[in-house]
Amino acid sequence: ADDKYTDKYDKINLQEILENKRLLESYMDCVLGKGKCTPEGKELKDHLQEALETGCEKCTEAQEKGTETSIDYLIKNELEIWKELTAHFDPDGKWRKKYEDRAKAKGIVIPE
């Protein structure tokens, strides 16, 4: 599947990262260009903007589920990190508008 992102990191324990503040902040520093990246962090950083712009069309099923899990977790538990990510990757709010209905359909309410 050349048209998909690598599935090399699909088995990563996302919950462990999300629930460990130190790990989570390390990943956020990586994707925001503020810190060092692990190999899986670099993979995420390299594809995050494209995935956002294409509706995750190259994402594997596990990556799509992981995206939903991450967004839901960050909005409910780490709102400041969510705001920092959206300010960085979607400063004009154009992707937010595009994905808001999709998020609501999955029970995720994106804050103002």
PDB file of N, CA and C in Angstrom:
ATOM      1  N   ALA A   1       0.854  -1.196   0.000  1.00  0.00           N
ATOM      2  CA  ALA A   1       0.000   0.000   0.000  1.00  0.00           C
ATOM      3  C   ALA A   1       0.889   1.244   0.000  1.00  0.00           C
ATOM      4  N   ASP A   2       1.399   1.584  -1.164  1.00  0.00           N
ATOM      5  CA  ASP A   2       2.278   2.742  -1.300  1.00  0.00           C
ATOM      6  C   ASP A   2       1.549   4.054  -1.042  1.00  0.00           C
ATOM      7  N   ASP A   3       0.230   4.021  -1.169  1.00  0.00           N
ATOM      8  CA  ASP A   3      -0.531   5.245  -0.989  1.00  0.00           C
ATOM      9  C   ASP A   3      -0.884   5.493   0.482  1.00  0.00           C
ATOM     10  N   LYS A   4      -0.384   4.674   1.379  1.00  0.00           N
ATOM     11  CA  LYS A   4      -0.647   4.841   2.815  1.00  0.00           C
ATOM     12  C   LYS A   4       0.650   5.216   3.535  1.00  0.00           C
ATOM     13  N   TYR A   5       0.491   5.848   4.701  1.00  0.00           N
ATOM     14  CA  TYR A   5       1.648   6.105   5.551  1.00  0.00           C
ATOM     15  C   TYR A   5       2.113   4.764   6.108  1.00  0.00           C
ATOM     16  N   THR A   6       3.357   4.695   6.539  1.00  0.00           N
ATOM     17  CA  THR A   6       3.874   3.451   7.104  1.00  0.00           C
ATOM     18  C   THR A   6       3.040   3.008   8.300  1.00  0.00           C
ATOM     19  N   ASP A   7       2.852   1.702   8.398  1.00  0.00           N
ATOM     20  CA  ASP A   7       2.111   1.170   9.548  1.00  0.00           C
ATOM     21  C   ASP A   7       3.076   0.705  10.644  1.00  0.00           C
ATOM     22  N   LYS A   8       4.329   1.073  10.474  1.00  0.00           N
ATOM     23  CA  LYS A   8       5.396   0.653  11.392  1.00  0.00           C
ATOM     24  C   LYS A   8       5.084   0.974  12.858  1.00  0.00           C
ATOM     25  N   TYR A   9       4.390   2.085  13.096  1.00  0.00           N
ATOM     26  CA  TYR A   9       4.119   2.517  14.470  1.00  0.00           C
ATOM     27  C   TYR A   9       2.647   2.357  14.864  1.00  0.00           C
ATOM     28  N   ASP A  10       1.883   1.618  14.074  1.00  0.00           N
ATOM     29  CA  ASP A  10       0.452   1.474  14.343  1.00  0.00           C
ATOM     30  C   ASP A  10       0.143   0.746  15.650  1.00  0.00           C
ATOM     31  N   LYS A  11       1.091  -0.028  16.138  1.00  0.00           N
ATOM     32  CA  LYS A  11       0.846  -0.795  17.369  1.00  0.00           C
ATOM     33  C   LYS A  11       1.313  -0.039  18.622  1.00  0.00           C
ATOM     34  N   ILE A  12       1.749   1.199  18.436  1.00  0.00           N
ATOM     35  CA  ILE A  12       2.218   1.999  19.567  1.00  0.00           C
ATOM     36  C   ILE A  12       1.081   2.165  20.581  1.00  0.00           C
ATOM     37  N   ASN A  13       1.424   2.169  21.868  1.00  0.00           N
ATOM     38  CA  ASN A  13       0.414   2.317  22.913  1.00  0.00           C
ATOM     39  C   ASN A  13       0.083   3.803  23.082  1.00  0.00           C
ATOM     40  N   LEU A  14      -0.901   4.239  22.326  1.00  0.00           N
ATOM     41  CA  LEU A  14      -1.284   5.645  22.296  1.00  0.00           C
ATOM     42  C   LEU A  14      -1.789   6.124  23.658  1.00  0.00           C
ATOM     43  N   GLN A  15      -2.568   5.284  24.324  1.00  0.00           N
ATOM     44  CA  GLN A  15      -3.123   5.641  25.626  1.00  0.00           C
ATOM     45  C   GLN A  15      -2.005   5.934  26.623  1.00  0.00           C
ATOM     46  N   GLU A  16      -0.948   5.134  26.566  1.00  0.00           N
ATOM     47  CA  GLU A  16       0.195   5.325  27.468  1.00  0.00           C
ATOM     48  C   GLU A  16       0.836   6.697  27.234  1.00  0.00           C
ATOM     49  N   ILE A  17       0.959   7.091  25.985  1.00  0.00           N
ATOM     50  CA  ILE A  17       1.548   8.396  25.653  1.00  0.00           C
ATOM     51  C   ILE A  17       0.621   9.525  26.112  1.00  0.00           C
ATOM     52  N   LEU A  18      -0.650   9.400  25.786  1.00  0.00           N
ATOM     53  CA  LEU A  18      -1.607  10.449  26.136  1.00  0.00           C
ATOM     54  C   LEU A  18      -1.711  10.646  27.642  1.00  0.00           C
ATOM     55  N   GLU A  19      -1.652   9.566  28.397  1.00  0.00           N
ATOM     56  CA  GLU A  19      -1.852   9.648  29.841  1.00  0.00           C
ATOM     57  C   GLU A  19      -0.569   9.925  30.620  1.00  0.00           C
ATOM     58  N   ASN A  20       0.566   9.991  29.931  1.00  0.00           N
ATOM     59  CA  ASN A  20       1.842  10.294  30.577  1.00  0.00           C
ATOM     60  C   ASN A  20       2.261  11.708  30.151  1.00  0.00           C
ATOM     61  N   LYS A  21       2.079  12.661  31.042  1.00  0.00           N
ATOM     62  CA  LYS A  21       2.311  14.079  30.710  1.00  0.00           C
ATOM     63  C   LYS A  21       3.702  14.316  30.117  1.00  0.00           C
ATOM     64  N   ARG A  22       4.719  13.675  30.684  1.00  0.00           N
ATOM     65  CA  ARG A  22       6.082  13.868  30.188  1.00  0.00           C
ATOM     66  C   ARG A  22       6.214  13.365  28.749  1.00  0.00           C
ATOM     67  N   LEU A  23       5.691  12.176  28.485  1.00  0.00           N
ATOM     68  CA  LEU A  23       5.737  11.626  27.130  1.00  0.00           C
ATOM     69  C   LEU A  23       4.935  12.491  26.160  1.00  0.00           C
ATOM     70  N   LEU A  24       3.736  12.857  26.572  1.00  0.00           N
ATOM     71  CA  LEU A  24       2.861  13.664  25.723  1.00  0.00           C
ATOM     72  C   LEU A  24       3.527  14.987  25.357  1.00  0.00           C
ATOM     73  N   GLU A  25       4.099  15.647  26.345  1.00  0.00           N
ATOM     74  CA  GLU A  25       4.753  16.935  26.087  1.00  0.00           C
ATOM     75  C   GLU A  25       5.965  16.768  25.183  1.00  0.00           C
ATOM     76  N   SER A  26       6.659  15.662  25.323  1.00  0.00           N
ATOM     77  CA  SER A  26       7.803  15.371  24.464  1.00  0.00           C
ATOM     78  C   SER A  26       7.356  15.245  22.998  1.00  0.00           C
ATOM     79  N   TYR A  27       6.265  14.527  22.766  1.00  0.00           N
ATOM     80  CA  TYR A  27       5.726  14.402  21.406  1.00  0.00           C
ATOM     81  C   TYR A  27       5.245  15.748  20.881  1.00  0.00           C
ATOM     82  N   MET A  28       4.586  16.520  21.730  1.00  0.00           N
ATOM     83  CA  MET A  28       4.081  17.823  21.298  1.00  0.00           C
ATOM     84  C   MET A  28       5.236  18.758  20.944  1.00  0.00           C
ATOM     85  N   ASP A  29       6.304  18.747  21.767  1.00  0.00           N
ATOM     86  CA  ASP A  29       7.470  19.573  21.456  1.00  0.00           C
ATOM     87  C   ASP A  29       8.046  19.170  20.105  1.00  0.00           C
ATOM     88  N   CYS A  30       8.055  17.886  19.818  1.00  0.00           N
ATOM     89  CA  CYS A  30       8.560  17.387  18.541  1.00  0.00           C
ATOM     90  C   CYS A  30       7.717  17.924  17.382  1.00  0.00           C
ATOM     91  N   VAL A  31       6.411  17.673  17.406  1.00  0.00           N
ATOM     92  CA  VAL A  31       5.579  18.067  16.255  1.00  0.00           C
ATOM     93  C   VAL A  31       5.487  19.575  16.099  1.00  0.00           C
ATOM     94  N   LEU A  32       5.684  20.303  17.187  1.00  0.00           N
ATOM     95  CA  LEU A  32       5.640  21.767  17.111  1.00  0.00           C
ATOM     96  C   LEU A  32       7.009  22.373  16.800  1.00  0.00           C
ATOM     97  N   GLY A  33       8.010  21.504  16.628  1.00  0.00           N
ATOM     98  CA  GLY A  33       9.342  21.983  16.281  1.00  0.00           C
ATOM     99  C   GLY A  33      10.090  22.611  17.439  1.00  0.00           C
ATOM    100  N   LYS A  34       9.707  22.252  18.667  1.00  0.00           N
ATOM    101  CA  LYS A  34      10.331  22.855  19.846  1.00  0.00           C
ATOM    102  C   LYS A  34      11.274  21.904  20.568  1.00  0.00           C
ATOM    103  N   GLY A  35      11.382  20.672  20.083  1.00  0.00           N
ATOM    104  CA  GLY A  35      12.231  19.715  20.780  1.00  0.00           C
ATOM    105  C   GLY A  35      12.634  18.564  19.892  1.00  0.00           C
ATOM    106  N   LYS A  36      13.405  17.654  20.472  1.00  0.00           N
ATOM    107  CA  LYS A  36      13.870  16.487  19.733  1.00  0.00           C
ATOM    108  C   LYS A  36      12.712  15.549  19.444  1.00  0.00           C
ATOM    109  N   CYS A  37      12.891  14.751  18.388  1.00  0.00           N
ATOM    110  CA  CYS A  37      11.868  13.787  17.995  1.00  0.00           C
ATOM    111  C   CYS A  37      12.390  12.356  18.114  1.00  0.00           C
ATOM    112  N   THR A  38      11.530  11.484  18.620  1.00  0.00           N
ATOM    113  CA  THR A  38      11.792  10.055  18.536  1.00  0.00           C
ATOM    114  C   THR A  38      11.496   9.662  17.084  1.00  0.00           C
ATOM    115  N   PRO A  39      11.888   8.464  16.639  1.00  0.00           N
ATOM    116  CA  PRO A  39      11.542   8.065  15.268  1.00  0.00           C
ATOM    117  C   PRO A  39      10.036   8.128  14.990  1.00  0.00           C
ATOM    118  N   GLU A  40       9.218   7.657  15.936  1.00  0.00           N
ATOM    119  CA  GLU A  40       7.762   7.709  15.707  1.00  0.00           C
ATOM    120  C   GLU A  40       7.239   9.139  15.783  1.00  0.00           C
ATOM    121  N   GLY A  41       7.862   9.966  16.615  1.00  0.00           N
ATOM    122  CA  GLY A  41       7.478  11.374  16.674  1.00  0.00           C
ATOM    123  C   GLY A  41       7.797  12.094  15.372  1.00  0.00           C
ATOM    124  N   LYS A  42       8.953  11.790  14.800  1.00  0.00           N
ATOM    125  CA  LYS A  42       9.341  12.382  13.525  1.00  0.00           C
ATOM    126  C   LYS A  42       8.377  11.968  12.422  1.00  0.00           C
ATOM    127  N   GLU A  43       7.967  10.715  12.426  1.00  0.00           N
ATOM    128  CA  GLU A  43       6.998  10.218  11.437  1.00  0.00           C
ATOM    129  C   GLU A  43       5.696  11.008  11.540  1.00  0.00           C
ATOM    130  N   LEU A  44       5.237  11.217  12.768  1.00  0.00           N
ATOM    131  CA  LEU A  44       4.027  11.987  12.999  1.00  0.00           C
ATOM    132  C   LEU A  44       4.208  13.425  12.508  1.00  0.00           C
ATOM    133  N   LYS A  45       5.311  14.038  12.891  1.00  0.00           N
ATOM    134  CA  LYS A  45       5.595  15.424  12.497  1.00  0.00           C
ATOM    135  C   LYS A  45       5.652  15.566  10.972  1.00  0.00           C
ATOM    136  N   ASP A  46       6.284  14.592  10.309  1.00  0.00           N
ATOM    137  CA  ASP A  46       6.455  14.653   8.860  1.00  0.00           C
ATOM    138  C   ASP A  46       5.137  14.583   8.090  1.00  0.00           C
ATOM    139  N   HIS A  47       4.112  13.972   8.692  1.00  0.00           N
ATOM    140  CA  HIS A  47       2.873  13.738   7.943  1.00  0.00           C
ATOM    141  C   HIS A  47       1.637  14.440   8.492  1.00  0.00           C
ATOM    142  N   LEU A  48       1.770  15.075   9.650  1.00  0.00           N
ATOM    143  CA  LEU A  48       0.600  15.660  10.299  1.00  0.00           C
ATOM    144  C   LEU A  48      -0.103  16.709   9.440  1.00  0.00           C
ATOM    145  N   GLN A  49       0.648  17.637   8.887  1.00  0.00           N
ATOM    146  CA  GLN A  49       0.030  18.700   8.079  1.00  0.00           C
ATOM    147  C   GLN A  49      -0.656  18.113   6.846  1.00  0.00           C
ATOM    148  N   GLU A  50       0.028  17.200   6.158  1.00  0.00           N
ATOM    149  CA  GLU A  50      -0.567  16.583   4.967  1.00  0.00           C
ATOM    150  C   GLU A  50      -1.828  15.797   5.331  1.00  0.00           C
ATOM    151  N   ALA A  51      -1.769  15.048   6.422  1.00  0.00           N
ATOM    152  CA  ALA A  51      -2.935  14.269   6.848  1.00  0.00           C
ATOM    153  C   ALA A  51      -4.117  15.199   7.132  1.00  0.00           C
ATOM    154  N   LEU A  52      -3.828  16.316   7.758  1.00  0.00           N
ATOM    155  CA  LEU A  52      -4.864  17.312   8.045  1.00  0.00           C
ATOM    156  C   LEU A  52      -5.466  17.846   6.743  1.00  0.00           C
ATOM    157  N   GLU A  53      -4.604  18.158   5.801  1.00  0.00           N
ATOM    158  CA  GLU A  53      -5.053  18.768   4.549  1.00  0.00           C
ATOM    159  C   GLU A  53      -5.763  17.793   3.615  1.00  0.00           C
ATOM    160  N   THR A  54      -5.509  16.506   3.779  1.00  0.00           N
ATOM    161  CA  THR A  54      -6.111  15.514   2.874  1.00  0.00           C
ATOM    162  C   THR A  54      -7.203  14.679   3.537  1.00  0.00           C
ATOM    163  N   GLY A  55      -7.578  15.034   4.750  1.00  0.00           N
ATOM    164  CA  GLY A  55      -8.590  14.251   5.442  1.00  0.00           C
ATOM    165  C   GLY A  55      -8.081  12.880   5.838  1.00  0.00           C
ATOM    166  N   CYS A  56      -6.776  12.788   6.058  1.00  0.00           N
ATOM    167  CA  CYS A  56      -6.138  11.540   6.510  1.00  0.00           C
ATOM    168  C   CYS A  56      -6.282  10.437   5.457  1.00  0.00           C
ATOM    169  N   GLU A  57      -6.302  10.824   4.184  1.00  0.00           N
ATOM    170  CA  GLU A  57      -6.551   9.827   3.142  1.00  0.00           C
ATOM    171  C   GLU A  57      -5.449   8.779   3.017  1.00  0.00           C
ATOM    172  N   LYS A  58      -4.241   9.088   3.496  1.00  0.00           N
ATOM    173  CA  LYS A  58      -3.162   8.096   3.455  1.00  0.00           C
ATOM    174  C   LYS A  58      -3.015   7.351   4.777  1.00  0.00           C
ATOM    175  N   CYS A  59      -3.894   7.647   5.734  1.00  0.00           N
ATOM    176  CA  CYS A  59      -3.821   7.007   7.044  1.00  0.00           C
ATOM    177  C   CYS A  59      -4.325   5.573   6.975  1.00  0.00           C
ATOM    178  N   THR A  60      -3.693   4.716   7.759  1.00  0.00           N
ATOM    179  CA  THR A  60      -4.202   3.357   7.918  1.00  0.00           C
ATOM    180  C   THR A  60      -5.414   3.448   8.853  1.00  0.00           C
ATOM    181  N   GLU A  61      -6.154   2.373   8.957  1.00  0.00           N
ATOM    182  CA  GLU A  61      -7.311   2.352   9.855  1.00  0.00           C
ATOM    183  C   GLU A  61      -6.881   2.644  11.292  1.00  0.00           C
ATOM    184  N   ALA A  62      -5.769   2.048  11.709  1.00  0.00           N
ATOM    185  CA  ALA A  62      -5.254   2.276  13.070  1.00  0.00           C
ATOM    186  C   ALA A  62      -4.893   3.744  13.281  1.00  0.00           C
ATOM    187  N   GLN A  63      -4.335   4.385  12.265  1.00  0.00           N
ATOM    188  CA  GLN A  63      -3.966   5.798  12.380  1.00  0.00           C
ATOM    189  C   GLN A  63      -5.205   6.686  12.471  1.00  0.00           C
ATOM    190  N   GLU A  64      -6.245   6.341  11.716  1.00  0.00           N
ATOM    191  CA  GLU A  64      -7.486   7.111  11.805  1.00  0.00           C
ATOM    192  C   GLU A  64      -8.093   6.996  13.193  1.00  0.00           C
ATOM    193  N   LYS A  65      -8.131   5.775  13.720  1.00  0.00           N
ATOM    194  CA  LYS A  65      -8.667   5.570  15.076  1.00  0.00           C
ATOM    195  C   LYS A  65      -7.806   6.315  16.092  1.00  0.00           C
ATOM    196  N   GLY A  66      -6.491   6.244  15.911  1.00  0.00           N
ATOM    197  CA  GLY A  66      -5.577   6.926  16.813  1.00  0.00           C
ATOM    198  C   GLY A  66      -5.764   8.435  16.789  1.00  0.00           C
ATOM    199  N   THR A  67      -6.035   8.957  15.610  1.00  0.00           N
ATOM    200  CA  THR A  67      -6.289  10.395  15.471  1.00  0.00           C
ATOM    201  C   THR A  67      -7.525  10.786  16.262  1.00  0.00           C
ATOM    202  N   GLU A  68      -8.600  10.019  16.107  1.00  0.00           N
ATOM    203  CA  GLU A  68      -9.834  10.306  16.845  1.00  0.00           C
ATOM    204  C   GLU A  68      -9.596  10.208  18.349  1.00  0.00           C
ATOM    205  N   THR A  69      -8.906   9.154  18.768  1.00  0.00           N
ATOM    206  CA  THR A  69      -8.605   8.963  20.192  1.00  0.00           C
ATOM    207  C   THR A  69      -7.808  10.143  20.733  1.00  0.00           C
ATOM    208  N   SER A  70      -6.792  10.561  19.978  1.00  0.00           N
ATOM    209  CA  SER A  70      -5.922  11.657  20.417  1.00  0.00           C
ATOM    210  C   SER A  70      -6.686  12.969  20.514  1.00  0.00           C
ATOM    211  N   ILE A  71      -7.464  13.279  19.487  1.00  0.00           N
ATOM    212  CA  ILE A  71      -8.223  14.535  19.490  1.00  0.00           C
ATOM    213  C   ILE A  71      -9.194  14.552  20.667  1.00  0.00           C
ATOM    214  N   ASP A  72      -9.930  13.467  20.838  1.00  0.00           N
ATOM    215  CA  ASP A  72     -10.896  13.376  21.922  1.00  0.00           C
ATOM    216  C   ASP A  72     -10.208  13.542  23.277  1.00  0.00           C
ATOM    217  N   TYR A  73      -9.092  12.842  23.461  1.00  0.00           N
ATOM    218  CA  TYR A  73      -8.362  12.911  24.732  1.00  0.00           C
ATOM    219  C   TYR A  73      -7.847  14.320  24.999  1.00  0.00           C
ATOM    220  N   LEU A  74      -7.218  14.921  23.988  1.00  0.00           N
ATOM    221  CA  LEU A  74      -6.638  16.257  24.180  1.00  0.00           C
ATOM    222  C   LEU A  74      -7.713  17.291  24.499  1.00  0.00           C
ATOM    223  N   ILE A  75      -8.836  17.232  23.810  1.00  0.00           N
ATOM    224  CA  ILE A  75      -9.911  18.193  24.058  1.00  0.00           C
ATOM    225  C   ILE A  75     -10.451  18.033  25.480  1.00  0.00           C
ATOM    226  N   LYS A  76     -10.617  16.790  25.917  1.00  0.00           N
ATOM    227  CA  LYS A  76     -11.210  16.550  27.238  1.00  0.00           C
ATOM    228  C   LYS A  76     -10.222  16.703  28.392  1.00  0.00           C
ATOM    229  N   ASN A  77      -8.940  16.436  28.145  1.00  0.00           N
ATOM    230  CA  ASN A  77      -7.980  16.372  29.251  1.00  0.00           C
ATOM    231  C   ASN A  77      -6.795  17.333  29.160  1.00  0.00           C
ATOM    232  N   GLU A  78      -6.480  17.782  27.970  1.00  0.00           N
ATOM    233  CA  GLU A  78      -5.293  18.634  27.770  1.00  0.00           C
ATOM    234  C   GLU A  78      -5.635  19.780  26.819  1.00  0.00           C
ATOM    235  N   LEU A  79      -6.606  20.573  27.213  1.00  0.00           N
ATOM    236  CA  LEU A  79      -7.122  21.619  26.333  1.00  0.00           C
ATOM    237  C   LEU A  79      -6.045  22.619  25.900  1.00  0.00           C
ATOM    238  N   GLU A  80      -5.102  22.922  26.780  1.00  0.00           N
ATOM    239  CA  GLU A  80      -4.043  23.869  26.414  1.00  0.00           C
ATOM    240  C   GLU A  80      -3.158  23.303  25.303  1.00  0.00           C
ATOM    241  N   ILE A  81      -2.860  22.010  25.386  1.00  0.00           N
ATOM    242  CA  ILE A  81      -2.070  21.370  24.321  1.00  0.00           C
ATOM    243  C   ILE A  81      -2.866  21.380  23.023  1.00  0.00           C
ATOM    244  N   TRP A  82      -4.156  21.070  23.109  1.00  0.00           N
ATOM    245  CA  TRP A  82      -5.025  21.088  21.917  1.00  0.00           C
ATOM    246  C   TRP A  82      -5.000  22.479  21.270  1.00  0.00           C
ATOM    247  N   LYS A  83      -5.130  23.513  22.083  1.00  0.00           N
ATOM    248  CA  LYS A  83      -5.147  24.889  21.564  1.00  0.00           C
ATOM    249  C   LYS A  83      -3.815  25.233  20.896  1.00  0.00           C
ATOM    250  N   GLU A  84      -2.718  24.782  21.496  1.00  0.00           N
ATOM    251  CA  GLU A  84      -1.402  25.049  20.922  1.00  0.00           C
ATOM    252  C   GLU A  84      -1.246  24.346  19.564  1.00  0.00           C
ATOM    253  N   LEU A  85      -1.712  23.104  19.498  1.00  0.00           N
ATOM    254  CA  LEU A  85      -1.647  22.353  18.237  1.00  0.00           C
ATOM    255  C   LEU A  85      -2.498  23.006  17.158  1.00  0.00           C
ATOM    256  N   THR A  86      -3.723  23.385  17.503  1.00  0.00           N
ATOM    257  CA  THR A  86      -4.588  23.989  16.494  1.00  0.00           C
ATOM    258  C   THR A  86      -4.060  25.352  16.056  1.00  0.00           C
ATOM    259  N   ALA A  87      -3.486  26.110  16.983  1.00  0.00           N
ATOM    260  CA  ALA A  87      -2.902  27.409  16.611  1.00  0.00           C
ATOM    261  C   ALA A  87      -1.738  27.206  15.642  1.00  0.00           C
ATOM    262  N   HIS A  88      -0.990  26.139  15.834  1.00  0.00           N
ATOM    263  CA  HIS A  88       0.172  25.860  14.988  1.00  0.00           C
ATOM    264  C   HIS A  88      -0.236  25.302  13.616  1.00  0.00           C
ATOM    265  N   PHE A  89      -1.112  24.318  13.609  1.00  0.00           N
ATOM    266  CA  PHE A  89      -1.447  23.626  12.361  1.00  0.00           C
ATOM    267  C   PHE A  89      -2.669  24.179  11.644  1.00  0.00           C
ATOM    268  N   ASP A  90      -3.487  24.963  12.345  1.00  0.00           N
ATOM    269  CA  ASP A  90      -4.714  25.489  11.733  1.00  0.00           C
ATOM    270  C   ASP A  90      -4.982  26.913  12.220  1.00  0.00           C
ATOM    271  N   PRO A  91      -4.028  27.827  11.982  1.00  0.00           N
ATOM    272  CA  PRO A  91      -4.168  29.181  12.535  1.00  0.00           C
ATOM    273  C   PRO A  91      -5.408  29.922  12.039  1.00  0.00           C
ATOM    274  N   ASP A  92      -5.878  29.611  10.831  1.00  0.00           N
ATOM    275  CA  ASP A  92      -7.053  30.304  10.285  1.00  0.00           C
ATOM    276  C   ASP A  92      -8.362  29.571  10.565  1.00  0.00           C
ATOM    277  N   GLY A  93      -8.270  28.378  11.160  1.00  0.00           N
ATOM    278  CA  GLY A  93      -9.476  27.630  11.482  1.00  0.00           C
ATOM    279  C   GLY A  93     -10.157  26.966  10.304  1.00  0.00           C
ATOM    280  N   LYS A  94      -9.471  26.908   9.136  1.00  0.00           N
ATOM    281  CA  LYS A  94     -10.154  26.343   7.964  1.00  0.00           C
ATOM    282  C   LYS A  94     -10.327  24.830   8.064  1.00  0.00           C
ATOM    283  N   TRP A  95      -9.370  24.143   8.702  1.00  0.00           N
ATOM    284  CA  TRP A  95      -9.509  22.687   8.842  1.00  0.00           C
ATOM    285  C   TRP A  95     -10.512  22.355   9.922  1.00  0.00           C
ATOM    286  N   ARG A  96     -10.565  23.182  10.939  1.00  0.00           N
ATOM    287  CA  ARG A  96     -11.545  22.995  12.012  1.00  0.00           C
ATOM    288  C   ARG A  96     -12.954  22.951  11.419  1.00  0.00           C
ATOM    289  N   LYS A  97     -13.255  23.902  10.561  1.00  0.00           N
ATOM    290  CA  LYS A  97     -14.579  23.947   9.943  1.00  0.00           C
ATOM    291  C   LYS A  97     -14.845  22.658   9.165  1.00  0.00           C
ATOM    292  N   LYS A  98     -13.836  22.214   8.446  1.00  0.00           N
ATOM    293  CA  LYS A  98     -13.979  21.017   7.620  1.00  0.00           C
ATOM    294  C   LYS A  98     -14.262  19.767   8.452  1.00  0.00           C
ATOM    295  N   TYR A  99     -13.646  19.659   9.614  1.00  0.00           N
ATOM    296  CA  TYR A  99     -13.735  18.427  10.397  1.00  0.00           C
ATOM    297  C   TYR A  99     -14.722  18.451  11.552  1.00  0.00           C
ATOM    298  N   GLU A 100     -15.293  19.603  11.812  1.00  0.00           N
ATOM    299  CA  GLU A 100     -16.177  19.717  12.968  1.00  0.00           C
ATOM    300  C   GLU A 100     -17.351  18.742  12.905  1.00  0.00           C
ATOM    301  N   ASP A 101     -18.001  18.640  11.758  1.00  0.00           N
ATOM    302  CA  ASP A 101     -19.145  17.730  11.631  1.00  0.00           C
ATOM    303  C   ASP A 101     -18.705  16.276  11.785  1.00  0.00           C
ATOM    304  N   ARG A 102     -17.559  15.941  11.204  1.00  0.00           N
ATOM    305  CA  ARG A 102     -17.036  14.577  11.320  1.00  0.00           C
ATOM    306  C   ARG A 102     -16.771  14.252  12.792  1.00  0.00           C
ATOM    307  N   ALA A 103     -16.194  15.209  13.503  1.00  0.00           N
ATOM    308  CA  ALA A 103     -15.902  15.009  14.921  1.00  0.00           C
ATOM    309  C   ALA A 103     -17.197  14.825  15.718  1.00  0.00           C
ATOM    310  N   LYS A 104     -18.175  15.689  15.469  1.00  0.00           N
ATOM    311  CA  LYS A 104     -19.456  15.603  16.183  1.00  0.00           C
ATOM    312  C   LYS A 104     -20.119  14.253  15.947  1.00  0.00           C
ATOM    313  N   ALA A 105     -20.028  13.747  14.736  1.00  0.00           N
ATOM    314  CA  ALA A 105     -20.623  12.443  14.415  1.00  0.00           C
ATOM    315  C   ALA A 105     -19.992  11.329  15.240  1.00  0.00           C
ATOM    316  N   LYS A 106     -18.755  11.548  15.676  1.00  0.00           N
ATOM    317  CA  LYS A 106     -18.062  10.562  16.497  1.00  0.00           C
ATOM    318  C   LYS A 106     -18.125  10.916  17.986  1.00  0.00           C
ATOM    319  N   GLY A 107     -18.939  11.890  18.327  1.00  0.00           N
ATOM    320  CA  GLY A 107     -19.115  12.245  19.729  1.00  0.00           C
ATOM    321  C   GLY A 107     -18.043  13.171  20.280  1.00  0.00           C
ATOM    322  N   ILE A 108     -17.254  13.789  19.395  1.00  0.00           N
ATOM    323  CA  ILE A 108     -16.200  14.703  19.830  1.00  0.00           C
ATOM    324  C   ILE A 108     -16.683  16.132  19.600  1.00  0.00           C
ATOM    325  N   VAL A 109     -16.729  16.909  20.661  1.00  0.00           N
ATOM    326  CA  VAL A 109     -17.141  18.296  20.531  1.00  0.00           C
ATOM    327  C   VAL A 109     -15.890  19.160  20.564  1.00  0.00           C
ATOM    328  N   ILE A 110     -15.612  19.848  19.462  1.00  0.00           N
ATOM    329  CA  ILE A 110     -14.428  20.686  19.365  1.00  0.00           C
ATOM    330  C   ILE A 110     -14.734  22.044  20.018  1.00  0.00           C
ATOM    331  N   PRO A 111     -13.930  22.426  21.009  1.00  0.00           N
ATOM    332  CA  PRO A 111     -14.206  23.688  21.713  1.00  0.00           C
ATOM    333  C   PRO A 111     -13.900  24.904  20.843  1.00  0.00           C
ATOM    334  N   GLU A 112     -14.534  25.997  21.201  1.00  0.00           N
ATOM    335  CA  GLU A 112     -14.311  27.267  20.462  1.00  0.00           C
ATOM    336  C   GLU A 112     -12.892  27.736  20.643  1.00  0.00           C
TER     337      GLU A 112
END
